[in-house]
Amino acid sequence: MQLRKIIKALGHFPTDDAATKLIWLALSNITAKWSRSTHDWKTAMNQFAILYEERFVRPAP
């Protein structure tokens, strides 16, 4: 629901890359508020780390 609200508020995106970046940032902010991890989220985060390794920062353990 939170992700849908963010996408709907911005309307359209000039490129697919812009949409991908917004979704990644939104998910990053949304998951920071979660009290428990979701199923297979670690796999998704690893994929983001591969795709955006120069911008991806892992939290300190």
PDB file of N, CA and C in Angstrom:
ATOM      1  N   MET A   1       0.820  -1.180   0.000  1.00  0.00           N
ATOM      2  CA  MET A   1       0.000   0.000   0.000  1.00  0.00           C
ATOM      3  C   MET A   1       0.872   1.256   0.000  1.00  0.00           C
ATOM      4  N   GLN A   2       1.936   1.241   0.786  1.00  0.00           N
ATOM      5  CA  GLN A   2       2.821   2.406   0.837  1.00  0.00           C
ATOM      6  C   GLN A   2       3.538   2.618  -0.493  1.00  0.00           C
ATOM      7  N   LEU A   3       3.958   1.535  -1.112  1.00  0.00           N
ATOM      8  CA  LEU A   3       4.644   1.625  -2.403  1.00  0.00           C
ATOM      9  C   LEU A   3       3.703   2.157  -3.471  1.00  0.00           C
ATOM     10  N   ARG A   4       2.489   1.689  -3.471  1.00  0.00           N
ATOM     11  CA  ARG A   4       1.497   2.161  -4.435  1.00  0.00           C
ATOM     12  C   ARG A   4       1.230   3.664  -4.269  1.00  0.00           C
ATOM     13  N   LYS A   5       1.165   4.125  -3.038  1.00  0.00           N
ATOM     14  CA  LYS A   5       0.933   5.538  -2.756  1.00  0.00           C
ATOM     15  C   LYS A   5       2.064   6.402  -3.321  1.00  0.00           C
ATOM     16  N   ILE A   6       3.296   5.961  -3.161  1.00  0.00           N
ATOM     17  CA  ILE A   6       4.452   6.704  -3.658  1.00  0.00           C
ATOM     18  C   ILE A   6       4.442   6.771  -5.186  1.00  0.00           C
ATOM     19  N   ILE A   7       4.171   5.647  -5.831  1.00  0.00           N
ATOM     20  CA  ILE A   7       4.159   5.611  -7.293  1.00  0.00           C
ATOM     21  C   ILE A   7       3.014   6.453  -7.843  1.00  0.00           C
ATOM     22  N   LYS A   8       1.848   6.359  -7.231  1.00  0.00           N
ATOM     23  CA  LYS A   8       0.678   7.104  -7.693  1.00  0.00           C
ATOM     24  C   LYS A   8       0.891   8.612  -7.550  1.00  0.00           C
ATOM     25  N   ALA A   9       1.577   9.036  -6.503  1.00  0.00           N
ATOM     26  CA  ALA A   9       1.800  10.459  -6.258  1.00  0.00           C
ATOM     27  C   ALA A   9       2.693  11.086  -7.332  1.00  0.00           C
ATOM     28  N   LEU A  10       3.615  10.308  -7.884  1.00  0.00           N
ATOM     29  CA  LEU A  10       4.540  10.856  -8.873  1.00  0.00           C
ATOM     30  C   LEU A  10       4.031  10.752 -10.311  1.00  0.00           C
ATOM     31  N   GLY A  11       3.050   9.908 -10.542  1.00  0.00           N
ATOM     32  CA  GLY A  11       2.478   9.822 -11.883  1.00  0.00           C
ATOM     33  C   GLY A  11       3.297   8.987 -12.832  1.00  0.00           C
ATOM     34  N   HIS A  12       4.004   9.616 -13.767  1.00  0.00           N
ATOM     35  CA  HIS A  12       4.777   8.872 -14.759  1.00  0.00           C
ATOM     36  C   HIS A  12       6.273   9.120 -14.552  1.00  0.00           C
ATOM     37  N   PHE A  13       7.087   8.279 -15.185  1.00  0.00           N
ATOM     38  CA  PHE A  13       8.535   8.355 -15.048  1.00  0.00           C
ATOM     39  C   PHE A  13       9.163   8.544 -16.426  1.00  0.00           C
ATOM     40  N   PRO A  14      10.200   9.377 -16.539  1.00  0.00           N
ATOM     41  CA  PRO A  14      10.820   9.626 -17.836  1.00  0.00           C
ATOM     42  C   PRO A  14      11.513   8.395 -18.424  1.00  0.00           C
ATOM     43  N   THR A  15      12.069   7.550 -17.555  1.00  0.00           N
ATOM     44  CA  THR A  15      12.748   6.332 -18.030  1.00  0.00           C
ATOM     45  C   THR A  15      12.440   5.174 -17.087  1.00  0.00           C
ATOM     46  N   ASP A  16      12.718   3.972 -17.560  1.00  0.00           N
ATOM     47  CA  ASP A  16      12.557   2.793 -16.711  1.00  0.00           C
ATOM     48  C   ASP A  16      13.542   2.830 -15.552  1.00  0.00           C
ATOM     49  N   ASP A  17      14.721   3.386 -15.802  1.00  0.00           N
ATOM     50  CA  ASP A  17      15.732   3.482 -14.760  1.00  0.00           C
ATOM     51  C   ASP A  17      15.253   4.383 -13.614  1.00  0.00           C
ATOM     52  N   ALA A  18      14.573   5.466 -13.956  1.00  0.00           N
ATOM     53  CA  ALA A  18      14.040   6.377 -12.936  1.00  0.00           C
ATOM     54  C   ALA A  18      12.999   5.659 -12.075  1.00  0.00           C
ATOM     55  N   ALA A  19      12.152   4.859 -12.695  1.00  0.00           N
ATOM     56  CA  ALA A  19      11.140   4.112 -11.960  1.00  0.00           C
ATOM     57  C   ALA A  19      11.791   3.074 -11.043  1.00  0.00           C
ATOM     58  N   THR A  20      12.799   2.390 -11.547  1.00  0.00           N
ATOM     59  CA  THR A  20      13.505   1.381 -10.752  1.00  0.00           C
ATOM     60  C   THR A  20      14.169   2.003  -9.538  1.00  0.00           C
ATOM     61  N   LYS A  21      14.803   3.149  -9.731  1.00  0.00           N
ATOM     62  CA  LYS A  21      15.470   3.832  -8.622  1.00  0.00           C
ATOM     63  C   LYS A  21      14.464   4.268  -7.556  1.00  0.00           C
ATOM     64  N   LEU A  22      13.330   4.795  -7.999  1.00  0.00           N
ATOM     65  CA  LEU A  22      12.320   5.231  -7.045  1.00  0.00           C
ATOM     66  C   LEU A  22      11.778   4.058  -6.239  1.00  0.00           C
ATOM     67  N   ILE A  23      11.513   2.951  -6.904  1.00  0.00           N
ATOM     68  CA  ILE A  23      10.988   1.773  -6.217  1.00  0.00           C
ATOM     69  C   ILE A  23      12.008   1.248  -5.211  1.00  0.00           C
ATOM     70  N   TRP A  24      13.279   1.214  -5.598  1.00  0.00           N
ATOM     71  CA  TRP A  24      14.315   0.740  -4.690  1.00  0.00           C
ATOM     72  C   TRP A  24      14.404   1.641  -3.462  1.00  0.00           C
ATOM     73  N   LEU A  25      14.424   2.951  -3.667  1.00  0.00           N
ATOM     74  CA  LEU A  25      14.495   3.879  -2.536  1.00  0.00           C
ATOM     75  C   LEU A  25      13.262   3.774  -1.638  1.00  0.00           C
ATOM     76  N   ALA A  26      12.100   3.643  -2.256  1.00  0.00           N
ATOM     77  CA  ALA A  26      10.866   3.517  -1.481  1.00  0.00           C
ATOM     78  C   ALA A  26      10.884   2.244  -0.634  1.00  0.00           C
ATOM     79  N   LEU A  27      11.292   1.129  -1.243  1.00  0.00           N
ATOM     80  CA  LEU A  27      11.370  -0.124  -0.497  1.00  0.00           C
ATOM     81  C   LEU A  27      12.382  -0.034   0.638  1.00  0.00           C
ATOM     82  N   SER A  28      13.479   0.643   0.384  1.00  0.00           N
ATOM     83  CA  SER A  28      14.487   0.823   1.419  1.00  0.00           C
ATOM     84  C   SER A  28      13.916   1.585   2.615  1.00  0.00           C
ATOM     85  N   ASN A  29      13.178   2.647   2.342  1.00  0.00           N
ATOM     86  CA  ASN A  29      12.578   3.434   3.419  1.00  0.00           C
ATOM     87  C   ASN A  29      11.451   2.680   4.121  1.00  0.00           C
ATOM     88  N   ILE A  30      10.652   1.970   3.363  1.00  0.00           N
ATOM     89  CA  ILE A  30       9.526   1.230   3.940  1.00  0.00           C
ATOM     90  C   ILE A  30      10.031   0.103   4.838  1.00  0.00           C
ATOM     91  N   THR A  31      11.019  -0.661   4.368  1.00  0.00           N
ATOM     92  CA  THR A  31      11.502  -1.802   5.149  1.00  0.00           C
ATOM     93  C   THR A  31      12.264  -1.371   6.386  1.00  0.00           C
ATOM     94  N   ALA A  32      12.777  -0.166   6.417  1.00  0.00           N
ATOM     95  CA  ALA A  32      13.472   0.324   7.615  1.00  0.00           C
ATOM     96  C   ALA A  32      12.510   0.417   8.799  1.00  0.00           C
ATOM     97  N   LYS A  33      11.226   0.550   8.529  1.00  0.00           N
ATOM     98  CA  LYS A  33      10.214   0.679   9.581  1.00  0.00           C
ATOM     99  C   LYS A  33       9.641  -0.666  10.032  1.00  0.00           C
ATOM    100  N   TRP A  34       9.946  -1.730   9.303  1.00  0.00           N
ATOM    101  CA  TRP A  34       9.408  -3.041   9.652  1.00  0.00           C
ATOM    102  C   TRP A  34      10.075  -3.594  10.893  1.00  0.00           C
ATOM    103  N   SER A  35       9.307  -4.306  11.703  1.00  0.00           N
ATOM    104  CA  SER A  35       9.864  -4.895  12.914  1.00  0.00           C
ATOM    105  C   SER A  35      10.380  -6.318  12.675  1.00  0.00           C
ATOM    106  N   ARG A  36       9.956  -6.947  11.593  1.00  0.00           N
ATOM    107  CA  ARG A  36      10.453  -8.289  11.269  1.00  0.00           C
ATOM    108  C   ARG A  36      10.728  -8.375   9.775  1.00  0.00           C
ATOM    109  N   SER A  37      11.598  -9.267   9.387  1.00  0.00           N
ATOM    110  CA  SER A  37      11.948  -9.400   7.979  1.00  0.00           C
ATOM    111  C   SER A  37      10.901 -10.236   7.243  1.00  0.00           C
ATOM    112  N   THR A  38      10.794 -10.021   5.961  1.00  0.00           N
ATOM    113  CA  THR A  38       9.856 -10.777   5.152  1.00  0.00           C
ATOM    114  C   THR A  38      10.527 -11.998   4.554  1.00  0.00           C
ATOM    115  N   HIS A  39       9.705 -12.881   4.083  1.00  0.00           N
ATOM    116  CA  HIS A  39      10.174 -14.103   3.446  1.00  0.00           C
ATOM    117  C   HIS A  39      10.929 -13.774   2.164  1.00  0.00           C
ATOM    118  N   ASP A  40      12.118 -14.294   2.012  1.00  0.00           N
ATOM    119  CA  ASP A  40      12.968 -14.132   0.833  1.00  0.00           C
ATOM    120  C   ASP A  40      13.444 -12.705   0.594  1.00  0.00           C
ATOM    121  N   TRP A  41      13.348 -11.828   1.565  1.00  0.00           N
ATOM    122  CA  TRP A  41      13.813 -10.452   1.374  1.00  0.00           C
ATOM    123  C   TRP A  41      15.330 -10.420   1.213  1.00  0.00           C
ATOM    124  N   LYS A  42      16.039 -11.303   1.889  1.00  0.00           N
ATOM    125  CA  LYS A  42      17.491 -11.339   1.783  1.00  0.00           C
ATOM    126  C   LYS A  42      17.916 -11.627   0.343  1.00  0.00           C
ATOM    127  N   THR A  43      17.208 -12.492  -0.348  1.00  0.00           N
ATOM    128  CA  THR A  43      17.503 -12.798  -1.741  1.00  0.00           C
ATOM    129  C   THR A  43      17.312 -11.567  -2.616  1.00  0.00           C
ATOM    130  N   ALA A  44      16.235 -10.835  -2.385  1.00  0.00           N
ATOM    131  CA  ALA A  44      15.977  -9.622  -3.162  1.00  0.00           C
ATOM    132  C   ALA A  44      17.055  -8.566  -2.897  1.00  0.00           C
ATOM    133  N   MET A  45      17.442  -8.397  -1.652  1.00  0.00           N
ATOM    134  CA  MET A  45      18.474  -7.427  -1.320  1.00  0.00           C
ATOM    135  C   MET A  45      19.810  -7.793  -1.961  1.00  0.00           C
ATOM    136  N   ASN A  46      20.106  -9.074  -2.033  1.00  0.00           N
ATOM    137  CA  ASN A  46      21.333  -9.512  -2.700  1.00  0.00           C
ATOM    138  C   ASN A  46      21.302  -9.177  -4.190  1.00  0.00           C
ATOM    139  N   GLN A  47      20.153  -9.314  -4.812  1.00  0.00           N
ATOM    140  CA  GLN A  47      20.020  -8.963  -6.230  1.00  0.00           C
ATOM    141  C   GLN A  47      20.218  -7.463  -6.433  1.00  0.00           C
ATOM    142  N   PHE A  48      19.652  -6.644  -5.549  1.00  0.00           N
ATOM    143  CA  PHE A  48      19.866  -5.199  -5.631  1.00  0.00           C
ATOM    144  C   PHE A  48      21.347  -4.868  -5.453  1.00  0.00           C
ATOM    145  N   ALA A  49      22.023  -5.571  -4.569  1.00  0.00           N
ATOM    146  CA  ALA A  49      23.446  -5.333  -4.336  1.00  0.00           C
ATOM    147  C   ALA A  49      24.261  -5.634  -5.589  1.00  0.00           C
ATOM    148  N   ILE A  50      23.856  -6.654  -6.338  1.00  0.00           N
ATOM    149  CA  ILE A  50      24.548  -6.990  -7.583  1.00  0.00           C
ATOM    150  C   ILE A  50      24.262  -5.944  -8.654  1.00  0.00           C
ATOM    151  N   LEU A  51      23.002  -5.549  -8.784  1.00  0.00           N
ATOM    152  CA  LEU A  51      22.626  -4.587  -9.824  1.00  0.00           C
ATOM    153  C   LEU A  51      23.160  -3.187  -9.561  1.00  0.00           C
ATOM    154  N   TYR A  52      23.176  -2.777  -8.306  1.00  0.00           N
ATOM    155  CA  TYR A  52      23.565  -1.405  -7.950  1.00  0.00           C
ATOM    156  C   TYR A  52      24.702  -1.411  -6.934  1.00  0.00           C
ATOM    157  N   GLU A  53      25.741  -2.165  -7.207  1.00  0.00           N
ATOM    158  CA  GLU A  53      26.793  -2.325  -6.208  1.00  0.00           C
ATOM    159  C   GLU A  53      27.485  -1.012  -5.844  1.00  0.00           C
ATOM    160  N   GLU A  54      27.571  -0.065  -6.773  1.00  0.00           N
ATOM    161  CA  GLU A  54      28.235   1.199  -6.464  1.00  0.00           C
ATOM    162  C   GLU A  54      27.394   2.091  -5.557  1.00  0.00           C
ATOM    163  N   ARG A  55      26.078   1.847  -5.494  1.00  0.00           N
ATOM    164  CA  ARG A  55      25.189   2.669  -4.666  1.00  0.00           C
ATOM    165  C   ARG A  55      24.610   1.918  -3.481  1.00  0.00           C
ATOM    166  N   PHE A  56      24.804   0.628  -3.439  1.00  0.00           N
ATOM    167  CA  PHE A  56      24.185  -0.185  -2.414  1.00  0.00           C
ATOM    168  C   PHE A  56      25.078  -0.237  -1.179  1.00  0.00           C
ATOM    169  N   VAL A  57      24.508   0.110  -0.058  1.00  0.00           N
ATOM    170  CA  VAL A  57      25.258   0.092   1.203  1.00  0.00           C
ATOM    171  C   VAL A  57      24.580  -0.882   2.146  1.00  0.00           C
ATOM    172  N   ARG A  58      25.333  -1.838   2.608  1.00  0.00           N
ATOM    173  CA  ARG A  58      24.789  -2.810   3.571  1.00  0.00           C
ATOM    174  C   ARG A  58      24.855  -2.224   4.968  1.00  0.00           C
ATOM    175  N   PRO A  59      23.814  -2.420   5.764  1.00  0.00           N
ATOM    176  CA  PRO A  59      23.855  -1.925   7.146  1.00  0.00           C
ATOM    177  C   PRO A  59      24.879  -2.676   7.970  1.00  0.00           C
ATOM    178  N   ALA A  60      25.423  -2.014   8.956  1.00  0.00           N
ATOM    179  CA  ALA A  60      26.388  -2.646   9.843  1.00  0.00           C
ATOM    180  C   ALA A  60      25.698  -3.712  10.692  1.00  0.00           C
ATOM    181  N   PRO A  61      26.356  -4.854  10.912  1.00  0.00           N
ATOM    182  CA  PRO A  61      25.711  -5.929  11.703  1.00  0.00           C
ATOM    183  C   PRO A  61      25.565  -5.593  13.149  1.00  0.00           C
TER     184      PRO A  61
END
